[in-house]
Structure formats: structure tokens, C-alpha cells
Amino acid sequence: MTSLYSSLHDSYVPNKMRSTSCVALAVILGCLTVLGVLLAIAVLERPNPPKDHETLPQGAGGSVLSTDQCSMALVESIPQHMKYKANATLGIPLEKVWKDLISMATAQVDISSFYWTLTGEDINVNSSSDTAGRDILKALEELPSRNVSVRVLTSVPTVRTNSTDLEILKQRGVRVRRVKLWAPHGGRPPQQGLDC
């Protein structure tokens, strides 16, 4: 028996549909590949969440890395021995941020404070609760010997006008200046909504 068709791919049958579907398939596969690569990069390059509320970069031995960047941390001091619920979110300990920022300092540290009491002597208190303050004071004392400029601006009147902490820092080369921080507001604290 003879057939009118010699093969399935006769030259007179248009092959347009096959080439269009191949191009569409290639474009779809290309787009999926690009999206897959972008997704992989996004997942693999995402930084890990900080552990134990670390705020500053750590070196191999756990020490804070020295950088040429300016750093700032916003923290809230929380009373010691306060009990928290099991689901409470704990903040960064204030003394940890102070120590980290001081250890990173390479050129200058500027501190502005309404009052200044790092040790118990300043407010006539003898307590072991000032251990963190003593450590911070010691770290601040050592900065001028590392050629780091330290400037302290504090308010007068303050809790105690003759701060032993500030005198110790002055003896170590820290520049201390006392100003009336409330003066722009007529000697009283600024009202809510006013810019200082």
C-alpha cells in the first residue's frame, strides 16, 4: 500500500508552531533560572540575627572589632534584680554598650549627661551595685593614654556638684565642662514638644 505522505515532516507542512513554543519555553526557563539565583542570593546573603543582643561587631576572640565608623546605641537603663515574665523581651545591658563603644574608640569620645554618678561615692552610697560604673570609669580613664580625646559635658546644678568621678577623669586628661543645660528654657526643664 502506498501512502500519500512520505514522512511526518514533509516540507510543505508549516513548522512555525514548534519554533514558537521552543522560544517561549526557553524564555520561561531563563526567567525561572534568574529568579532562582536571586532567591538563593537573598537567602544565603541574609545576615544572621544577633545573638544575646549583640550590638557591635565581634572579633575572633570575642573582643570588639575596631572600625573607622561612628557608632551609637540607644539603650534604656533597667533597675537591677527586676523580675521579668517568661515571654519578656530583654534589652541590651547598658554597661555592655558603654564598654563596647569605649573599647571601639580610636579618636574621640564625647559624652553629654545631665548628671554624672558612676560610683557610689558621688552620692554617698557604699554598695557593690556600682561595679559596672567603676568598670566604665576605669575604661574612660584609660582612653587618653591611648591617644583618644574624651570630652564630658554635664549639667549644673547636678545631683552632686563636686563629682569625684569627674575629678578623677580630669586628672587623667579628660576635658570636663559644666553648663546650665536648662538655660535655653529659662532655667527649667523643656516642656514636651519643645525642641532643645
N, C-alpha and C. Protein backbone atom coordinates (compact mmCIF):
# COMPACT_ATOMS: atom_id res chain seq x y z
N MET A 1 0.81 -1.15 0.00
CA MET A 1 0.00 0.00 0.00
C MET A 1 0.87 1.23 0.00
N THR A 2 0.52 2.11 -0.79
CA THR A 2 1.29 3.34 -0.89
C THR A 2 0.56 4.44 -0.13
N SER A 3 1.34 5.32 0.46
CA SER A 3 0.79 6.42 1.24
C SER A 3 1.05 7.73 0.54
N LEU A 4 0.18 8.64 0.75
CA LEU A 4 0.37 9.96 0.18
C LEU A 4 1.49 10.72 0.91
N TYR A 5 1.71 10.38 2.13
CA TYR A 5 2.75 11.05 2.91
C TYR A 5 3.99 10.19 2.94
N SER A 6 5.11 10.77 2.59
CA SER A 6 6.35 10.01 2.61
C SER A 6 6.98 10.04 4.00
N SER A 7 6.74 11.10 4.78
CA SER A 7 7.23 11.16 6.16
C SER A 7 6.35 12.13 6.96
N LEU A 8 6.54 12.13 8.27
CA LEU A 8 5.75 13.01 9.12
C LEU A 8 6.18 14.46 9.00
N HIS A 9 7.36 14.69 8.50
CA HIS A 9 7.90 16.05 8.41
C HIS A 9 8.06 16.46 6.97
N ASP A 10 6.98 16.55 6.33
CA ASP A 10 7.03 16.98 4.94
C ASP A 10 7.39 18.46 4.89
N SER A 11 7.97 18.84 3.84
CA SER A 11 8.43 20.21 3.69
C SER A 11 7.28 21.18 3.49
N TYR A 12 6.17 20.70 3.07
CA TYR A 12 5.06 21.60 2.83
C TYR A 12 4.22 21.85 4.09
N VAL A 13 4.48 21.15 5.25
CA VAL A 13 3.75 21.36 6.50
C VAL A 13 4.48 22.45 7.29
N PRO A 14 3.80 23.52 7.66
CA PRO A 14 4.47 24.60 8.37
C PRO A 14 4.97 24.15 9.75
N ASN A 15 6.19 24.56 10.13
CA ASN A 15 6.84 24.19 11.39
C ASN A 15 6.87 25.38 12.35
N LYS A 16 6.03 26.37 12.12
CA LYS A 16 6.03 27.61 12.87
C LYS A 16 5.63 27.39 14.33
N MET A 17 4.68 26.57 14.59
CA MET A 17 4.19 26.32 15.95
C MET A 17 5.28 25.75 16.83
N ARG A 18 6.07 24.85 16.30
CA ARG A 18 7.13 24.19 17.06
C ARG A 18 8.20 25.21 17.47
N SER A 19 8.62 26.09 16.57
CA SER A 19 9.68 27.05 16.90
C SER A 19 9.18 28.10 17.90
N THR A 20 7.93 28.51 17.82
CA THR A 20 7.37 29.48 18.76
C THR A 20 7.30 28.89 20.16
N SER A 21 6.89 27.66 20.28
CA SER A 21 6.80 27.03 21.60
C SER A 21 8.19 26.80 22.19
N CYS A 22 9.18 26.52 21.38
CA CYS A 22 10.55 26.35 21.88
C CYS A 22 11.10 27.67 22.42
N VAL A 23 10.84 28.75 21.74
CA VAL A 23 11.30 30.06 22.20
C VAL A 23 10.60 30.43 23.51
N ALA A 24 9.31 30.20 23.59
CA ALA A 24 8.56 30.51 24.81
C ALA A 24 9.08 29.68 25.98
N LEU A 25 9.35 28.40 25.74
CA LEU A 25 9.88 27.52 26.78
C LEU A 25 11.26 27.99 27.23
N ALA A 26 12.10 28.40 26.30
CA ALA A 26 13.44 28.88 26.64
C ALA A 26 13.36 30.16 27.48
N VAL A 27 12.45 31.07 27.13
CA VAL A 27 12.29 32.32 27.89
C VAL A 27 11.79 32.02 29.30
N ILE A 28 10.83 31.13 29.43
CA ILE A 28 10.30 30.77 30.75
C ILE A 28 11.39 30.13 31.61
N LEU A 29 12.15 29.20 31.03
CA LEU A 29 13.23 28.55 31.78
C LEU A 29 14.30 29.57 32.18
N GLY A 30 14.60 30.50 31.31
CA GLY A 30 15.58 31.55 31.63
C GLY A 30 15.12 32.42 32.79
N CYS A 31 13.85 32.82 32.76
CA CYS A 31 13.29 33.64 33.84
C CYS A 31 13.30 32.88 35.17
N LEU A 32 12.92 31.61 35.13
CA LEU A 32 12.92 30.80 36.35
C LEU A 32 14.34 30.65 36.90
N THR A 33 15.31 30.49 36.02
CA THR A 33 16.70 30.37 36.46
C THR A 33 17.16 31.66 37.14
N VAL A 34 16.87 32.80 36.53
CA VAL A 34 17.26 34.09 37.12
C VAL A 34 16.57 34.29 38.47
N LEU A 35 15.28 33.99 38.56
CA LEU A 35 14.57 34.12 39.83
C LEU A 35 15.14 33.18 40.89
N GLY A 36 15.49 31.97 40.49
CA GLY A 36 16.09 31.02 41.42
C GLY A 36 17.43 31.51 41.96
N VAL A 37 18.24 32.08 41.08
CA VAL A 37 19.54 32.61 41.51
C VAL A 37 19.34 33.79 42.46
N LEU A 38 18.41 34.70 42.15
CA LEU A 38 18.14 35.83 43.02
C LEU A 38 17.62 35.38 44.39
N LEU A 39 16.76 34.40 44.40
CA LEU A 39 16.24 33.87 45.65
C LEU A 39 17.36 33.24 46.47
N ALA A 40 18.22 32.48 45.82
CA ALA A 40 19.34 31.85 46.52
C ALA A 40 20.26 32.91 47.13
N ILE A 41 20.53 33.96 46.39
CA ILE A 41 21.39 35.03 46.90
C ILE A 41 20.73 35.70 48.10
N ALA A 42 19.43 35.97 48.00
CA ALA A 42 18.72 36.63 49.09
C ALA A 42 18.73 35.78 50.36
N VAL A 43 18.57 34.48 50.21
CA VAL A 43 18.54 33.59 51.36
C VAL A 43 19.94 33.40 51.94
N LEU A 44 20.92 33.19 51.08
CA LEU A 44 22.27 32.90 51.56
C LEU A 44 23.00 34.14 52.09
N GLU A 45 22.70 35.31 51.56
CA GLU A 45 23.40 36.52 51.96
C GLU A 45 22.73 37.25 53.12
N ARG A 46 21.61 36.79 53.58
CA ARG A 46 20.91 37.45 54.69
C ARG A 46 21.74 37.28 55.96
N PRO A 47 22.00 38.38 56.71
CA PRO A 47 22.80 38.27 57.93
C PRO A 47 22.03 37.50 59.00
N ASN A 48 22.79 36.78 59.80
CA ASN A 48 22.18 36.04 60.90
C ASN A 48 21.67 37.02 61.95
N PRO A 49 20.59 36.70 62.64
CA PRO A 49 20.10 37.59 63.70
C PRO A 49 21.13 37.65 64.83
N PRO A 50 21.24 38.81 65.52
CA PRO A 50 22.23 38.92 66.59
C PRO A 50 21.90 37.97 67.73
N LYS A 51 22.95 37.43 68.33
CA LYS A 51 22.79 36.53 69.46
C LYS A 51 23.05 37.30 70.74
N ASP A 52 22.30 37.02 71.77
CA ASP A 52 22.47 37.66 73.07
C ASP A 52 22.47 39.18 72.97
N HIS A 53 21.69 39.72 72.08
CA HIS A 53 21.54 41.16 71.91
C HIS A 53 22.87 41.85 71.63
N GLU A 54 23.74 41.19 70.86
CA GLU A 54 25.00 41.83 70.49
C GLU A 54 24.70 43.00 69.58
N THR A 55 25.36 44.12 69.82
CA THR A 55 25.10 45.31 69.02
C THR A 55 26.29 45.70 68.19
N LEU A 56 27.47 45.28 68.58
CA LEU A 56 28.67 45.72 67.91
C LEU A 56 29.42 44.52 67.35
N PRO A 57 30.19 44.69 66.26
CA PRO A 57 30.89 43.57 65.65
C PRO A 57 31.91 42.97 66.60
N GLN A 58 32.00 41.65 66.60
CA GLN A 58 32.90 40.94 67.48
C GLN A 58 34.06 40.34 66.70
N GLY A 59 35.24 40.32 67.32
CA GLY A 59 36.42 39.71 66.71
C GLY A 59 36.44 38.22 66.99
N ALA A 60 37.53 37.56 66.59
CA ALA A 60 37.64 36.11 66.74
C ALA A 60 37.61 35.70 68.21
N GLY A 61 38.26 36.46 69.08
CA GLY A 61 38.30 36.11 70.49
C GLY A 61 37.16 36.69 71.29
N GLY A 62 36.15 37.22 70.63
CA GLY A 62 35.02 37.81 71.31
C GLY A 62 35.21 39.28 71.62
N SER A 63 36.39 39.82 71.27
CA SER A 63 36.63 41.24 71.52
C SER A 63 35.96 42.07 70.44
N VAL A 64 35.67 43.29 70.78
CA VAL A 64 35.01 44.19 69.83
C VAL A 64 36.02 44.62 68.77
N LEU A 65 35.62 44.56 67.52
CA LEU A 65 36.48 44.98 66.42
C LEU A 65 36.59 46.49 66.38
N SER A 66 37.75 46.98 66.01
CA SER A 66 37.94 48.41 65.84
C SER A 66 37.55 48.79 64.42
N THR A 67 36.74 49.81 64.28
CA THR A 67 36.31 50.23 62.96
C THR A 67 36.54 51.71 62.80
N ASP A 68 36.48 52.19 61.58
CA ASP A 68 36.62 53.62 61.30
C ASP A 68 35.26 54.30 61.26
N GLN A 69 34.23 53.61 61.64
CA GLN A 69 32.88 54.16 61.57
C GLN A 69 32.46 54.70 62.93
N CYS A 70 31.54 55.62 62.89
CA CYS A 70 30.97 56.16 64.12
C CYS A 70 29.85 55.22 64.56
N SER A 71 29.77 54.96 65.86
CA SER A 71 28.73 54.07 66.36
C SER A 71 27.92 54.76 67.44
N MET A 72 26.68 54.38 67.52
CA MET A 72 25.79 54.91 68.54
C MET A 72 24.82 53.80 68.91
N ALA A 73 24.46 53.74 70.17
CA ALA A 73 23.49 52.74 70.61
C ALA A 73 22.47 53.42 71.51
N LEU A 74 21.23 53.12 71.30
CA LEU A 74 20.16 53.65 72.13
C LEU A 74 19.72 52.55 73.08
N VAL A 75 19.89 52.79 74.37
CA VAL A 75 19.56 51.78 75.37
C VAL A 75 18.73 52.42 76.47
N GLU A 76 18.19 51.59 77.31
CA GLU A 76 17.43 52.08 78.46
C GLU A 76 17.96 51.37 79.69
N SER A 77 18.24 52.14 80.72
CA SER A 77 18.72 51.50 81.95
C SER A 77 17.52 50.92 82.69
N ILE A 78 17.68 49.71 83.14
CA ILE A 78 16.61 48.99 83.82
C ILE A 78 17.10 48.65 85.22
N PRO A 79 16.29 48.83 86.25
CA PRO A 79 16.73 48.55 87.62
C PRO A 79 17.25 47.12 87.77
N GLN A 80 18.26 46.99 88.63
CA GLN A 80 18.83 45.66 88.88
C GLN A 80 17.83 44.78 89.62
N HIS A 81 18.01 43.49 89.46
CA HIS A 81 17.24 42.46 90.15
C HIS A 81 15.74 42.54 89.88
N MET A 82 15.39 43.08 88.75
CA MET A 82 13.98 43.16 88.37
C MET A 82 13.56 41.83 87.76
N LYS A 83 12.42 41.32 88.15
CA LYS A 83 11.94 40.04 87.63
C LYS A 83 11.08 40.29 86.40
N TYR A 84 11.30 39.46 85.39
CA TYR A 84 10.57 39.59 84.13
C TYR A 84 9.71 38.36 83.90
N LYS A 85 8.66 38.53 83.13
CA LYS A 85 7.84 37.39 82.74
C LYS A 85 8.63 36.55 81.75
N ALA A 86 8.22 35.30 81.56
CA ALA A 86 8.95 34.38 80.70
C ALA A 86 9.01 34.86 79.25
N ASN A 87 8.00 35.57 78.78
CA ASN A 87 7.98 35.99 77.39
C ASN A 87 8.48 37.43 77.20
N ALA A 88 9.13 38.00 78.20
CA ALA A 88 9.60 39.39 78.11
C ALA A 88 10.78 39.50 77.16
N THR A 89 10.83 40.60 76.44
CA THR A 89 11.96 40.89 75.56
C THR A 89 12.94 41.74 76.35
N LEU A 90 14.15 41.23 76.52
CA LEU A 90 15.15 41.93 77.31
C LEU A 90 15.97 42.84 76.41
N GLY A 91 16.30 43.99 76.92
CA GLY A 91 17.12 44.94 76.18
C GLY A 91 18.60 44.65 76.34
N ILE A 92 19.40 45.49 75.71
CA ILE A 92 20.84 45.37 75.78
C ILE A 92 21.29 45.98 77.10
N PRO A 93 22.10 45.27 77.88
CA PRO A 93 22.57 45.86 79.14
C PRO A 93 23.35 47.15 78.88
N LEU A 94 23.03 48.18 79.62
CA LEU A 94 23.64 49.49 79.44
C LEU A 94 25.16 49.44 79.56
N GLU A 95 25.66 48.73 80.57
CA GLU A 95 27.11 48.70 80.76
C GLU A 95 27.82 47.98 79.62
N LYS A 96 27.16 47.01 78.99
CA LYS A 96 27.78 46.32 77.85
C LYS A 96 27.96 47.28 76.68
N VAL A 97 26.95 48.08 76.40
CA VAL A 97 27.04 49.04 75.30
C VAL A 97 28.12 50.08 75.60
N TRP A 98 28.15 50.58 76.84
CA TRP A 98 29.19 51.54 77.21
C TRP A 98 30.57 50.95 76.97
N LYS A 99 30.80 49.75 77.48
CA LYS A 99 32.12 49.12 77.35
C LYS A 99 32.47 48.87 75.89
N ASP A 100 31.51 48.41 75.11
CA ASP A 100 31.76 48.15 73.69
C ASP A 100 32.12 49.44 72.95
N LEU A 101 31.35 50.50 73.18
CA LEU A 101 31.62 51.76 72.49
C LEU A 101 32.96 52.35 72.91
N ILE A 102 33.28 52.27 74.20
CA ILE A 102 34.56 52.80 74.68
C ILE A 102 35.72 52.01 74.10
N SER A 103 35.58 50.68 74.05
CA SER A 103 36.69 49.86 73.52
C SER A 103 36.89 50.08 72.03
N MET A 104 35.85 50.51 71.31
CA MET A 104 35.97 50.76 69.87
C MET A 104 36.57 52.13 69.56
N ALA A 105 36.58 53.02 70.53
CA ALA A 105 37.01 54.40 70.29
C ALA A 105 38.45 54.44 69.82
N THR A 106 38.68 55.19 68.73
CA THR A 106 40.04 55.33 68.20
C THR A 106 40.48 56.79 68.13
N ALA A 107 39.56 57.73 68.16
CA ALA A 107 39.94 59.13 68.03
C ALA A 107 39.30 60.01 69.11
N GLN A 108 37.99 59.87 69.34
CA GLN A 108 37.32 60.81 70.22
C GLN A 108 36.06 60.19 70.82
N VAL A 109 35.81 60.53 72.08
CA VAL A 109 34.57 60.13 72.77
C VAL A 109 33.98 61.40 73.37
N ASP A 110 32.74 61.70 73.01
CA ASP A 110 32.03 62.86 73.55
C ASP A 110 30.83 62.36 74.34
N ILE A 111 30.72 62.83 75.58
CA ILE A 111 29.62 62.39 76.45
C ILE A 111 28.89 63.63 76.96
N SER A 112 27.58 63.62 76.81
CA SER A 112 26.74 64.67 77.35
C SER A 112 25.79 64.02 78.34
N SER A 113 25.78 64.53 79.58
CA SER A 113 24.99 63.89 80.62
C SER A 113 24.41 64.94 81.55
N PHE A 114 23.14 64.81 81.90
CA PHE A 114 22.53 65.75 82.84
C PHE A 114 23.16 65.60 84.22
N TYR A 115 23.46 64.40 84.63
CA TYR A 115 24.13 64.19 85.90
C TYR A 115 25.17 63.09 85.71
N TRP A 116 26.10 63.03 86.65
CA TRP A 116 27.23 62.14 86.47
C TRP A 116 27.50 61.41 87.77
N THR A 117 27.11 60.15 87.86
CA THR A 117 27.39 59.32 89.03
C THR A 117 27.67 57.91 88.56
N LEU A 118 28.94 57.59 88.42
CA LEU A 118 29.32 56.22 88.06
C LEU A 118 29.66 55.39 89.28
N THR A 119 30.13 56.04 90.34
CA THR A 119 30.48 55.33 91.56
C THR A 119 29.60 55.81 92.71
N GLY A 120 29.52 55.00 93.73
CA GLY A 120 28.67 55.33 94.87
C GLY A 120 29.14 56.52 95.67
N GLU A 121 30.46 56.81 95.65
CA GLU A 121 30.97 57.94 96.43
C GLU A 121 30.33 59.26 96.04
N ASP A 122 29.97 59.40 94.78
CA ASP A 122 29.38 60.65 94.31
C ASP A 122 28.04 60.97 94.97
N ILE A 123 27.33 59.96 95.38
CA ILE A 123 26.03 60.19 96.01
C ILE A 123 25.98 59.62 97.43
N ASN A 124 27.18 59.44 98.03
CA ASN A 124 27.32 58.93 99.40
C ASN A 124 26.64 57.59 99.61
N VAL A 125 26.86 56.67 98.68
CA VAL A 125 26.32 55.32 98.79
C VAL A 125 27.48 54.34 98.71
N ASN A 126 27.48 53.38 99.61
CA ASN A 126 28.51 52.35 99.60
C ASN A 126 27.82 51.04 99.23
N SER A 127 27.94 50.64 97.98
CA SER A 127 27.22 49.47 97.50
C SER A 127 28.02 48.78 96.41
N SER A 128 27.85 47.48 96.32
CA SER A 128 28.51 46.74 95.24
C SER A 128 27.78 46.91 93.92
N SER A 129 26.64 47.59 93.94
CA SER A 129 25.87 47.78 92.71
C SER A 129 26.54 48.76 91.75
N ASP A 130 27.61 49.44 92.19
CA ASP A 130 28.29 50.37 91.30
C ASP A 130 29.48 49.73 90.57
N THR A 131 29.56 48.41 90.59
CA THR A 131 30.67 47.72 89.93
C THR A 131 30.74 48.04 88.44
N ALA A 132 29.61 48.01 87.77
CA ALA A 132 29.60 48.33 86.34
C ALA A 132 30.04 49.77 86.10
N GLY A 133 29.60 50.70 86.95
CA GLY A 133 30.01 52.10 86.83
C GLY A 133 31.50 52.28 87.04
N ARG A 134 32.05 51.54 88.00
CA ARG A 134 33.50 51.60 88.24
C ARG A 134 34.28 51.09 87.02
N ASP A 135 33.78 50.02 86.41
CA ASP A 135 34.44 49.48 85.21
C ASP A 135 34.41 50.49 84.07
N ILE A 136 33.29 51.16 83.90
CA ILE A 136 33.16 52.17 82.84
C ILE A 136 34.08 53.35 83.13
N LEU A 137 34.13 53.79 84.40
CA LEU A 137 35.02 54.89 84.77
C LEU A 137 36.47 54.53 84.49
N LYS A 138 36.86 53.32 84.82
CA LYS A 138 38.24 52.87 84.56
C LYS A 138 38.54 52.86 83.06
N ALA A 139 37.58 52.40 82.27
CA ALA A 139 37.78 52.38 80.81
C ALA A 139 37.89 53.80 80.26
N LEU A 140 37.09 54.73 80.79
CA LEU A 140 37.18 56.13 80.35
C LEU A 140 38.51 56.75 80.76
N GLU A 141 39.01 56.39 81.96
CA GLU A 141 40.29 56.90 82.43
C GLU A 141 41.44 56.51 81.51
N GLU A 142 41.35 55.32 80.93
CA GLU A 142 42.44 54.79 80.10
C GLU A 142 42.45 55.36 78.69
N LEU A 143 41.36 55.94 78.24
CA LEU A 143 41.29 56.43 76.86
C LEU A 143 42.35 57.47 76.52
N PRO A 144 42.60 58.50 77.35
CA PRO A 144 43.64 59.47 76.98
C PRO A 144 45.03 58.84 76.80
N SER A 145 45.33 57.78 77.54
CA SER A 145 46.63 57.11 77.37
C SER A 145 46.71 56.37 76.03
N ARG A 146 45.56 56.12 75.41
CA ARG A 146 45.51 55.51 74.06
C ARG A 146 45.40 56.59 72.98
N ASN A 147 45.62 57.84 73.35
CA ASN A 147 45.51 58.99 72.43
C ASN A 147 44.09 59.16 71.90
N VAL A 148 43.11 58.87 72.74
CA VAL A 148 41.71 59.09 72.40
C VAL A 148 41.23 60.29 73.21
N SER A 149 40.77 61.31 72.52
CA SER A 149 40.26 62.52 73.18
C SER A 149 38.91 62.22 73.82
N VAL A 150 38.75 62.65 75.08
CA VAL A 150 37.49 62.44 75.78
C VAL A 150 36.99 63.80 76.28
N ARG A 151 35.74 64.11 75.94
CA ARG A 151 35.11 65.34 76.40
C ARG A 151 33.80 64.99 77.08
N VAL A 152 33.61 65.57 78.27
CA VAL A 152 32.39 65.32 79.05
C VAL A 152 31.69 66.65 79.26
N LEU A 153 30.42 66.69 78.94
CA LEU A 153 29.57 67.86 79.17
C LEU A 153 28.49 67.43 80.16
N THR A 154 28.41 68.14 81.28
CA THR A 154 27.42 67.78 82.29
C THR A 154 26.71 69.04 82.77
N SER A 155 25.57 68.87 83.35
CA SER A 155 24.73 70.00 83.76
C SER A 155 25.04 70.44 85.18
N VAL A 156 24.87 71.74 85.43
CA VAL A 156 24.88 72.27 86.78
C VAL A 156 23.54 72.98 86.98
N PRO A 157 22.89 72.91 88.08
CA PRO A 157 23.25 72.04 89.18
C PRO A 157 22.98 70.57 88.85
N THR A 158 23.65 69.70 89.57
CA THR A 158 23.51 68.27 89.35
C THR A 158 23.25 67.59 90.69
N VAL A 159 23.19 66.27 90.69
CA VAL A 159 22.94 65.53 91.93
C VAL A 159 24.01 65.89 92.96
N ARG A 160 25.23 65.97 92.50
CA ARG A 160 26.35 66.32 93.38
C ARG A 160 27.27 67.23 92.60
N THR A 161 27.55 68.42 93.13
CA THR A 161 28.32 69.40 92.36
C THR A 161 29.80 69.07 92.30
N ASN A 162 30.36 68.42 93.31
CA ASN A 162 31.78 68.09 93.26
C ASN A 162 31.95 66.58 93.03
N SER A 163 31.74 66.17 91.82
CA SER A 163 31.80 64.76 91.46
C SER A 163 33.23 64.24 91.54
N THR A 164 33.42 63.22 92.35
CA THR A 164 34.75 62.60 92.42
C THR A 164 35.08 61.90 91.10
N ASP A 165 34.07 61.37 90.43
CA ASP A 165 34.30 60.71 89.14
C ASP A 165 34.88 61.70 88.13
N LEU A 166 34.28 62.88 88.06
CA LEU A 166 34.74 63.88 87.10
C LEU A 166 36.13 64.39 87.45
N GLU A 167 36.44 64.50 88.75
CA GLU A 167 37.79 64.93 89.15
C GLU A 167 38.83 63.89 88.75
N ILE A 168 38.50 62.62 88.92
CA ILE A 168 39.42 61.54 88.51
C ILE A 168 39.65 61.62 87.01
N LEU A 169 38.59 61.82 86.25
CA LEU A 169 38.73 61.91 84.79
C LEU A 169 39.55 63.12 84.39
N LYS A 170 39.35 64.26 85.07
CA LYS A 170 40.14 65.47 84.78
C LYS A 170 41.63 65.20 84.98
N GLN A 171 41.96 64.50 86.07
CA GLN A 171 43.36 64.20 86.37
C GLN A 171 43.99 63.31 85.29
N ARG A 172 43.18 62.55 84.60
CA ARG A 172 43.67 61.66 83.54
C ARG A 172 43.68 62.32 82.17
N GLY A 173 43.28 63.58 82.08
CA GLY A 173 43.34 64.28 80.81
C GLY A 173 42.02 64.42 80.09
N VAL A 174 40.92 64.08 80.75
CA VAL A 174 39.60 64.23 80.14
C VAL A 174 39.14 65.68 80.31
N ARG A 175 38.62 66.26 79.24
CA ARG A 175 38.09 67.62 79.31
C ARG A 175 36.66 67.57 79.83
N VAL A 176 36.44 68.24 80.96
CA VAL A 176 35.12 68.25 81.61
C VAL A 176 34.61 69.68 81.60
N ARG A 177 33.37 69.82 81.19
CA ARG A 177 32.75 71.15 81.16
C ARG A 177 31.36 71.05 81.77
N ARG A 178 31.09 72.01 82.67
CA ARG A 178 29.78 72.06 83.31
C ARG A 178 29.02 73.26 82.77
N VAL A 179 27.80 73.04 82.31
CA VAL A 179 26.98 74.12 81.77
C VAL A 179 25.56 73.99 82.31
N LYS A 180 24.82 75.07 82.22
CA LYS A 180 23.40 75.03 82.60
C LYS A 180 22.63 74.55 81.38
N LEU A 181 22.35 73.27 81.33
CA LEU A 181 21.67 72.70 80.17
C LEU A 181 20.23 73.20 80.05
N TRP A 182 19.65 73.68 81.17
CA TRP A 182 18.27 74.16 81.11
C TRP A 182 18.19 75.64 80.75
N ALA A 183 19.31 76.34 80.65
CA ALA A 183 19.31 77.79 80.42
C ALA A 183 18.46 78.23 79.22
N PRO A 184 18.46 77.53 78.09
CA PRO A 184 17.63 77.98 76.97
C PRO A 184 16.13 77.98 77.27
N HIS A 185 15.74 77.34 78.38
CA HIS A 185 14.32 77.23 78.72
C HIS A 185 14.00 78.02 79.99
N GLY A 186 14.79 79.06 80.26
CA GLY A 186 14.52 79.89 81.42
C GLY A 186 14.88 79.21 82.72
N GLY A 187 15.82 78.26 82.71
CA GLY A 187 16.26 77.59 83.92
C GLY A 187 15.39 76.44 84.36
N ARG A 188 14.44 76.05 83.55
CA ARG A 188 13.57 74.93 83.90
C ARG A 188 13.62 73.90 82.77
N PRO A 189 13.28 72.66 83.07
CA PRO A 189 13.32 71.61 82.04
C PRO A 189 12.42 71.96 80.86
N PRO A 190 12.77 71.54 79.65
CA PRO A 190 11.93 71.83 78.48
C PRO A 190 10.58 71.13 78.59
N GLN A 191 9.55 71.80 78.10
CA GLN A 191 8.21 71.21 78.08
C GLN A 191 8.12 70.24 76.91
N GLN A 192 7.24 69.28 77.03
CA GLN A 192 7.07 68.31 75.96
C GLN A 192 6.68 69.03 74.67
N GLY A 193 7.34 68.65 73.60
CA GLY A 193 7.04 69.24 72.30
C GLY A 193 7.99 70.36 71.92
N LEU A 194 8.77 70.87 72.87
CA LEU A 194 9.74 71.92 72.55
C LEU A 194 11.06 71.28 72.13
N ASP A 195 11.68 71.86 71.14
CA ASP A 195 12.99 71.37 70.70
C ASP A 195 14.07 72.03 71.54
N CYS A 196 15.06 71.25 71.90
CA CYS A 196 16.20 71.79 72.67
C CYS A 196 17.24 72.32 71.72
